[in-house]
Amino acid sequence: MKNFIRALLLLFFAISVTTSSWAVVMVSWGGAYTESQKLGYGDPAAKKLGIPVDWVDYSGGLSEIKAQIAAGAITWDVIDVYAMDTIIGCDEGIFVEFDFDKDFPPAPDGTPASQDFFTTMPSKCAVGNILYSWTYGYHDEKIGSNKPKTIKDFFNTKKWPGKRGIYKTAMHNLEMALAADGVVSGKLYDILETDAGLERAFNKIKELCTDPKGGCVFWSAGAKPPELLMQEEVVMSTGWNGRFFNAEIGEGAPIKQVWDAQGLDYQYMSVVKGGPNEADAMKAIAEMTSTEGLAGSAKYIAYAPWRKSSLKIIEAGEPWYKDGKTNMLPQMPTAPDNTKNYFLVDPIFWADNSTEIGEKWEAMKAGL
């Protein structure tokens, strides 16, 4: 029976992944994001190295690669993953451990890779790919002449009456609430680790949602915040910077976003240990996450490259966006003007506390 199941799994993976046997298989999330990866650095790396690169979509997590390993039928080489998955995958021996400054090239000025990336990696098996941001936006033509500029303005219903759009779960909302309440970015998670701090953050959100001059509209799909703003259902809304960018630049919507106290979130790449093309995968991932490689993705999407030196490439090549007329540096979450006040979303905190906080959050929403 075991041999029969193994044979079925082998057949399944052979059928489901229509790639050449010697191509590096990159696994990512699909849509505009994967397209930006493929066009921005995947295709250029394949051409430069002479190594074919095929792209496969997945829905996240480690279950699929674990099934491949269990079946002895690994078909994936590189996976685009969340921080916690790199930690778990590294601990369980699923991913290759990197010798960072040996495996990844320095910046053009010679700065070692470990010093050129925006921040440290969550595990030895992770290399930074992109950073995206939780910001908030407003309808520029409806907000009035006095524009919001800070995170405190998001909660100021006296000056800007109207409902606010906020994400359906607690993540980012609690950090944003504390930032608006005067907590400095570097102390957000220290405060949230305490019962008093958690209650403080909840009270700030609850106060906004129950304010007669305010109120909350909860969103889940990334396209919803621009829609809420354009339909004037809310006066301001949190959202993901890439979605606001698409609405403003791609669709011509009069939406502006505020970068104060933005929450930087991130994606990583990991190489599957014992994958069918491990050696070529290491070469490909090094080229893709080089200064020029990561800058390339910003031609197609408003996510910031992990390499600090990539910003110089973008700035020197403006207008950098694929339309040939849009400057991308002001749209990058890691640009100097956008990082005067920011925080890094802490995956460990949310992995440890999401269940307990989530229950409390849902109870709060039910009582509004």
Protein backbone atom coordinates (compact mmCIF):
# COMPACT_ATOMS: atom_id res chain seq x y z
CA MET A 1 0.00 0.00 0.00
CA LYS A 2 2.81 2.41 0.87
CA ASN A 3 4.47 1.78 -2.48
CA PHE A 4 1.14 2.34 -4.23
CA ILE A 5 0.59 5.69 -2.47
CA ARG A 6 4.16 6.73 -3.23
CA ALA A 7 3.63 5.88 -6.89
CA LEU A 8 0.43 7.92 -6.98
CA LEU A 9 2.19 10.92 -5.44
CA LEU A 10 5.00 10.62 -7.95
CA LEU A 11 2.48 10.56 -10.76
CA PHE A 12 0.57 13.52 -9.28
CA PHE A 13 3.63 15.72 -9.07
CA ALA A 14 4.79 14.70 -12.53
CA ILE A 15 1.42 15.70 -14.00
CA SER A 16 0.80 18.84 -11.91
CA VAL A 17 4.11 20.53 -12.61
CA THR A 18 4.60 20.97 -16.34
CA THR A 19 8.18 22.20 -16.31
CA SER A 20 11.34 21.04 -17.96
CA SER A 21 13.28 18.62 -15.78
CA TRP A 22 16.34 20.85 -15.60
CA ALA A 23 14.63 24.23 -15.21
CA VAL A 24 14.75 25.96 -11.82
CA VAL A 25 11.18 25.90 -10.50
CA MET A 26 10.22 29.10 -8.68
CA VAL A 27 7.10 28.89 -6.54
CA SER A 28 5.20 32.09 -5.74
CA TRP A 29 1.75 33.59 -5.19
CA GLY A 30 0.59 34.31 -8.73
CA GLY A 31 -1.05 37.37 -10.24
CA ALA A 32 0.65 40.75 -10.58
CA TYR A 33 3.18 39.82 -7.91
CA THR A 34 4.57 36.78 -9.72
CA GLU A 35 4.48 38.72 -12.98
CA SER A 36 6.67 41.42 -11.41
CA GLN A 37 9.09 38.72 -10.24
CA LYS A 38 9.21 36.99 -13.61
CA LEU A 39 9.63 40.14 -15.69
CA GLY A 40 11.68 42.09 -13.17
CA TYR A 41 14.39 39.57 -12.33
CA GLY A 42 13.34 36.05 -13.30
CA ASP A 43 13.62 36.41 -17.06
CA PRO A 44 16.77 38.61 -16.89
CA ALA A 45 18.48 36.10 -14.57
CA ALA A 46 17.55 33.18 -16.81
CA LYS A 47 18.97 34.99 -19.84
CA LYS A 48 22.17 36.03 -18.09
CA LEU A 49 22.90 32.64 -16.51
CA GLY A 50 21.56 30.44 -19.28
CA ILE A 51 19.39 28.65 -16.71
CA PRO A 52 15.69 28.18 -17.56
CA VAL A 53 13.32 29.39 -14.83
CA ASP A 54 9.73 28.15 -14.61
CA TRP A 55 7.08 29.67 -12.33
CA VAL A 56 4.47 27.77 -10.33
CA ASP A 57 1.67 29.29 -8.22
CA TYR A 58 0.75 28.09 -4.73
CA SER A 59 -1.36 29.29 -1.80
CA GLY A 60 1.33 29.45 0.87
CA GLY A 61 2.48 27.29 3.73
CA LEU A 62 4.77 24.26 3.81
CA SER A 63 2.31 21.41 3.40
CA GLU A 64 2.92 20.92 -0.33
CA ILE A 65 6.70 20.82 -0.12
CA LYS A 66 6.48 18.49 2.89
CA ALA A 67 4.31 16.16 0.82
CA GLN A 68 6.87 16.20 -1.99
CA ILE A 69 9.67 15.38 0.45
CA ALA A 70 7.65 12.56 2.04
CA ALA A 71 6.96 11.09 -1.40
CA GLY A 72 10.58 11.40 -2.47
CA ALA A 73 9.33 13.46 -5.40
CA ILE A 74 10.63 17.01 -4.91
CA THR A 75 9.77 19.19 -7.91
CA TRP A 76 10.21 22.68 -6.41
CA ASP A 77 13.52 24.53 -6.10
CA VAL A 78 12.80 27.99 -4.69
CA ILE A 79 9.75 29.10 -2.69
CA ASP A 80 8.53 32.61 -1.92
CA VAL A 81 7.57 32.38 1.76
CA TYR A 82 6.51 34.26 4.87
CA ALA A 83 8.99 34.84 7.68
CA MET A 84 7.59 32.14 9.98
CA ASP A 85 7.75 29.55 7.20
CA THR A 86 11.46 30.25 6.73
CA ILE A 87 11.99 29.68 10.44
CA ILE A 88 9.97 26.47 10.55
CA GLY A 89 11.42 25.20 7.27
CA CYS A 90 14.94 25.93 8.44
CA ASP A 91 14.42 24.19 11.78
CA GLU A 92 12.96 21.13 10.06
CA GLY A 93 15.72 20.90 7.45
CA ILE A 94 13.46 21.68 4.50
CA PHE A 95 15.50 24.65 3.29
CA VAL A 96 19.15 25.31 2.55
CA GLU A 97 21.06 27.36 5.12
CA PHE A 98 22.83 30.30 3.46
CA ASP A 99 26.35 31.57 4.01
CA PHE A 100 25.04 35.03 3.32
CA ASP A 101 28.05 37.01 2.14
CA LYS A 102 29.36 34.01 0.23
CA ASP A 103 26.11 33.00 -1.46
CA PHE A 104 24.88 36.49 -2.35
CA PRO A 105 26.79 39.17 -4.27
CA PRO A 106 27.85 42.49 -2.73
CA ALA A 107 26.38 45.84 -3.72
CA PRO A 108 28.01 47.63 -6.68
CA ASP A 109 30.16 49.66 -4.26
CA GLY A 110 31.42 46.50 -2.56
CA THR A 111 29.15 46.61 0.49
CA PRO A 112 28.61 42.99 1.64
CA ALA A 113 25.14 41.60 1.06
CA SER A 114 24.53 41.26 4.80
CA GLN A 115 25.00 45.01 5.19
CA ASP A 116 23.13 45.97 2.02
CA PHE A 117 19.80 44.44 2.96
CA PHE A 118 17.26 46.67 4.70
CA THR A 119 17.18 44.60 7.87
CA THR A 120 18.27 41.20 9.17
CA MET A 121 16.73 37.92 8.05
CA PRO A 122 14.41 35.84 10.28
CA SER A 123 16.44 32.67 9.67
CA LYS A 124 19.59 31.37 8.00
CA CYS A 125 17.40 29.97 5.24
CA ALA A 126 15.81 33.28 4.17
CA VAL A 127 16.88 35.95 1.72
CA GLY A 128 14.80 39.10 1.41
CA ASN A 129 12.76 39.62 -1.72
CA ILE A 130 10.36 42.55 -1.31
CA LEU A 131 8.94 44.77 1.40
CA TYR A 132 5.40 46.05 1.23
CA SER A 133 3.64 48.43 3.53
CA TRP A 134 0.51 48.92 5.58
CA THR A 135 -0.36 52.60 5.14
CA TYR A 136 -3.56 54.60 5.05
CA GLY A 137 -5.07 56.58 2.21
CA TYR A 138 -7.69 59.23 1.50
CA HIS A 139 -9.69 60.64 -1.43
CA ASP A 140 -7.70 63.74 -2.32
CA GLU A 141 -10.65 65.58 -3.87
CA LYS A 142 -13.03 64.92 -0.98
CA ILE A 143 -10.84 65.35 2.09
CA GLY A 144 -10.64 69.16 1.92
CA SER A 145 -7.68 71.51 1.72
CA ASN A 146 -6.23 70.40 5.07
CA LYS A 147 -4.67 67.02 4.26
CA PRO A 148 -3.92 64.36 6.89
CA LYS A 149 -0.20 63.83 7.38
CA THR A 150 0.31 61.69 10.48
CA ILE A 151 -1.02 58.51 12.03
CA LYS A 152 -2.75 60.63 14.68
CA ASP A 153 -4.78 62.29 11.92
CA PHE A 154 -6.34 58.93 11.05
CA PHE A 155 -8.00 58.94 14.47
CA ASN A 156 -8.90 62.65 14.49
CA THR A 157 -12.64 62.61 13.84
CA LYS A 158 -13.14 66.21 14.92
CA LYS A 159 -11.02 67.59 12.08
CA TRP A 160 -11.91 64.82 9.61
CA PRO A 161 -15.35 63.39 10.51
CA GLY A 162 -16.41 60.20 8.80
CA LYS A 163 -15.94 56.44 8.92
CA ARG A 164 -12.56 54.73 8.65
CA GLY A 165 -11.76 51.56 6.78
CA ILE A 166 -9.60 49.15 8.78
CA TYR A 167 -8.43 45.59 8.22
CA LYS A 168 -10.67 42.82 9.53
CA THR A 169 -8.08 41.32 11.91
CA ALA A 170 -6.06 42.83 14.73
CA MET A 171 -2.68 42.73 13.00
CA HIS A 172 -1.42 46.22 12.16
CA ASN A 173 -4.50 47.83 13.71
CA LEU A 174 -3.11 47.45 17.22
CA GLU A 175 0.33 48.72 16.25
CA MET A 176 -1.26 51.65 14.42
CA ALA A 177 -3.44 52.48 17.42
CA LEU A 178 -0.48 52.60 19.80
CA ALA A 179 1.54 54.69 17.34
CA ALA A 180 -1.34 57.16 17.16
CA ASP A 181 -1.45 57.15 20.96
CA GLY A 182 2.16 58.31 21.15
CA VAL A 183 4.15 55.07 21.44
CA VAL A 184 7.43 55.23 19.50
CA SER A 185 7.90 52.62 16.79
CA GLY A 186 10.69 50.74 18.56
CA LYS A 187 8.50 50.13 21.62
CA LEU A 188 5.27 48.99 19.99
CA TYR A 189 5.70 45.28 20.61
CA ASP A 190 7.13 45.79 24.09
CA ILE A 191 3.91 47.59 24.97
CA LEU A 192 1.69 45.04 23.21
CA GLU A 193 3.32 42.24 25.20
CA THR A 194 1.69 43.66 28.35
CA ASP A 195 -1.97 43.35 29.30
CA ALA A 196 -2.18 47.09 29.89
CA GLY A 197 -0.65 47.86 26.52
CA LEU A 198 -2.96 45.48 24.71
CA GLU A 199 -5.97 47.03 26.41
CA ARG A 200 -4.70 50.49 25.49
CA ALA A 201 -4.54 49.55 21.81
CA PHE A 202 -7.98 47.91 21.86
CA ASN A 203 -9.51 50.94 23.54
CA LYS A 204 -8.07 53.25 20.89
CA ILE A 205 -9.68 51.21 18.10
CA LYS A 206 -12.95 50.81 19.99
CA GLU A 207 -13.11 54.54 20.60
CA LEU A 208 -12.72 55.21 16.88
CA CYS A 209 -15.31 52.62 15.88
CA THR A 210 -17.94 53.84 18.35
CA ASP A 211 -17.34 57.58 17.87
CA PRO A 212 -20.54 59.22 16.50
CA LYS A 213 -18.31 61.29 14.22
CA GLY A 214 -16.30 58.24 13.20
CA GLY A 215 -17.08 54.57 12.84
CA CYS A 216 -15.32 51.59 11.26
CA VAL A 217 -15.83 49.65 8.06
CA PHE A 218 -13.86 46.39 8.10
CA TRP A 219 -12.22 45.21 4.89
CA SER A 220 -10.50 41.99 3.88
CA ALA A 221 -9.76 42.04 0.13
CA GLY A 222 -6.85 44.27 -0.87
CA ALA A 223 -8.90 46.01 -3.59
CA LYS A 224 -11.52 47.15 -1.08
CA PRO A 225 -9.84 50.21 0.53
CA PRO A 226 -9.58 52.22 -2.74
CA GLU A 227 -13.15 51.18 -3.54
CA LEU A 228 -14.40 52.37 -0.15
CA LEU A 229 -12.67 55.70 -0.66
CA MET A 230 -13.90 56.25 -4.19
CA GLN A 231 -17.48 55.38 -3.23
CA GLU A 232 -17.16 57.75 -0.24
CA GLU A 233 -18.13 55.04 2.23
CA VAL A 234 -15.14 56.06 4.35
CA VAL A 235 -13.09 59.24 4.65
CA MET A 236 -9.83 57.36 5.24
CA SER A 237 -8.81 53.72 5.06
CA THR A 238 -5.84 51.59 5.91
CA GLY A 239 -4.57 49.45 3.06
CA TRP A 240 -1.57 48.00 1.30
CA ASN A 241 0.65 50.47 -0.49
CA GLY A 242 0.65 48.47 -3.72
CA ARG A 243 -3.14 48.57 -3.91
CA PHE A 244 -3.22 52.33 -3.36
CA PHE A 245 -0.53 52.70 -6.03
CA ASN A 246 -2.54 50.64 -8.51
CA ALA A 247 -5.63 52.75 -7.87
CA GLU A 248 -3.78 56.05 -8.22
CA ILE A 249 -1.36 55.27 -11.05
CA GLY A 250 -3.03 52.37 -12.82
CA GLU A 251 -6.62 53.62 -12.63
CA GLY A 252 -6.14 57.37 -12.22
CA ALA A 253 -8.04 57.51 -8.93
CA PRO A 254 -7.44 60.68 -6.82
CA ILE A 255 -6.13 58.66 -3.88
CA LYS A 256 -3.14 59.67 -1.78
CA GLN A 257 -1.48 57.63 0.93
CA VAL A 258 0.17 58.63 4.19
CA TRP A 259 3.43 56.92 5.12
CA ASP A 260 3.70 58.04 8.75
CA ALA A 261 3.95 55.02 11.09
CA GLN A 262 3.71 52.66 8.15
CA GLY A 263 4.02 48.98 8.99
CA LEU A 264 6.61 47.26 6.84
CA ASP A 265 5.88 43.64 6.03
CA TYR A 266 8.00 41.34 3.90
CA GLN A 267 8.48 38.29 1.73
CA TYR A 268 11.47 35.99 1.49
CA MET A 269 12.87 33.32 -0.79
CA SER A 270 14.14 29.96 0.39
CA VAL A 271 15.86 27.19 -1.55
CA VAL A 272 14.56 23.64 -1.08
CA LYS A 273 17.27 21.32 0.27
CA GLY A 274 17.74 18.37 -2.03
CA GLY A 275 15.64 19.92 -4.76
CA PRO A 276 16.11 18.70 -8.34
CA ASN A 277 18.21 21.71 -9.33
CA GLU A 278 19.68 22.93 -6.05
CA ALA A 279 22.99 24.18 -7.48
CA ASP A 280 21.30 26.13 -10.29
CA ALA A 281 18.68 27.38 -7.85
CA MET A 282 21.42 28.93 -5.71
CA LYS A 283 22.88 30.67 -8.75
CA ALA A 284 19.46 31.91 -9.85
CA ILE A 285 18.41 33.22 -6.45
CA ALA A 286 21.73 35.05 -6.05
CA GLU A 287 21.21 36.82 -9.37
CA MET A 288 17.56 37.61 -8.67
CA THR A 289 18.31 39.16 -5.28
CA SER A 290 21.25 41.18 -6.54
CA THR A 291 21.10 44.98 -6.55
CA GLU A 292 20.05 45.12 -10.20
CA GLY A 293 17.74 42.13 -9.92
CA LEU A 294 15.63 43.45 -7.07
CA ALA A 295 15.49 46.92 -8.61
CA GLY A 296 14.01 45.30 -11.70
CA SER A 297 10.85 44.16 -9.93
CA ALA A 298 10.01 47.77 -9.03
CA LYS A 299 9.45 48.44 -12.72
CA TYR A 300 6.29 46.38 -12.44
CA ILE A 301 5.00 46.70 -8.88
CA ALA A 302 5.18 49.20 -5.99
CA TYR A 303 6.98 46.88 -3.58
CA ALA A 304 10.38 47.89 -2.29
CA PRO A 305 13.50 45.81 -2.97
CA TRP A 306 15.29 44.50 0.09
CA ARG A 307 18.60 45.84 -1.17
CA LYS A 308 19.30 49.41 -0.08
CA SER A 309 21.56 49.81 -3.09
CA SER A 310 18.63 48.97 -5.39
CA LEU A 311 17.05 52.31 -4.50
CA LYS A 312 20.01 54.08 -6.10
CA ILE A 313 19.40 52.14 -9.31
CA ILE A 314 15.75 53.16 -9.28
CA GLU A 315 16.52 56.81 -8.53
CA ALA A 316 19.14 57.02 -11.30
CA GLY A 317 16.76 55.44 -13.80
CA GLU A 318 13.64 57.54 -13.11
CA PRO A 319 10.99 57.44 -14.37
CA TRP A 320 11.46 53.79 -13.45
CA TYR A 321 7.94 52.39 -13.75
CA LYS A 322 6.98 50.38 -16.82
CA ASP A 323 4.74 53.20 -18.11
CA GLY A 324 7.84 55.32 -18.72
CA LYS A 325 6.48 58.32 -16.85
CA THR A 326 6.04 57.41 -13.17
CA ASN A 327 8.82 57.95 -10.65
CA MET A 328 9.00 54.93 -8.37
CA LEU A 329 11.30 56.07 -5.56
CA PRO A 330 8.50 58.09 -3.87
CA GLN A 331 6.36 54.92 -4.04
CA MET A 332 8.91 52.66 -2.37
CA PRO A 333 8.11 51.82 1.28
CA THR A 334 11.84 51.92 2.12
CA ALA A 335 12.55 55.30 0.47
CA PRO A 336 14.16 57.80 2.88
CA ASP A 337 11.14 60.13 2.82
CA ASN A 338 8.83 57.23 3.69
CA THR A 339 10.85 55.76 6.54
CA LYS A 340 11.05 58.73 8.88
CA ASN A 341 8.63 56.88 11.14
CA TYR A 342 7.91 53.21 10.53
CA PHE A 343 7.83 49.83 12.24
CA LEU A 344 8.62 46.30 11.10
CA VAL A 345 5.70 43.91 11.56
CA ASP A 346 6.91 41.27 14.04
CA PRO A 347 6.06 37.75 12.78
CA ILE A 348 7.16 36.12 16.04
CA PHE A 349 4.79 38.26 18.11
CA TRP A 350 1.86 37.41 15.86
CA ALA A 351 2.74 33.72 15.67
CA ASP A 352 2.79 33.56 19.46
CA ASN A 353 -0.26 35.72 20.16
CA SER A 354 -2.57 35.65 17.14
CA THR A 355 -5.04 33.12 18.56
CA GLU A 356 -5.57 34.83 21.91
CA ILE A 357 -5.61 38.34 20.44
CA GLY A 358 -7.82 37.20 17.57
CA GLU A 359 -10.49 35.93 19.98
CA LYS A 360 -10.42 39.20 21.88
CA TRP A 361 -10.59 41.15 18.63
CA GLU A 362 -13.60 39.27 17.31
CA ALA A 363 -15.38 39.77 20.64
CA MET A 364 -14.71 43.49 20.41
CA LYS A 365 -16.09 43.67 16.87
CA ALA A 366 -19.19 41.75 17.89
CA GLY A 367 -19.85 44.26 20.64
CA LEU A 368 -19.59 47.39 18.48
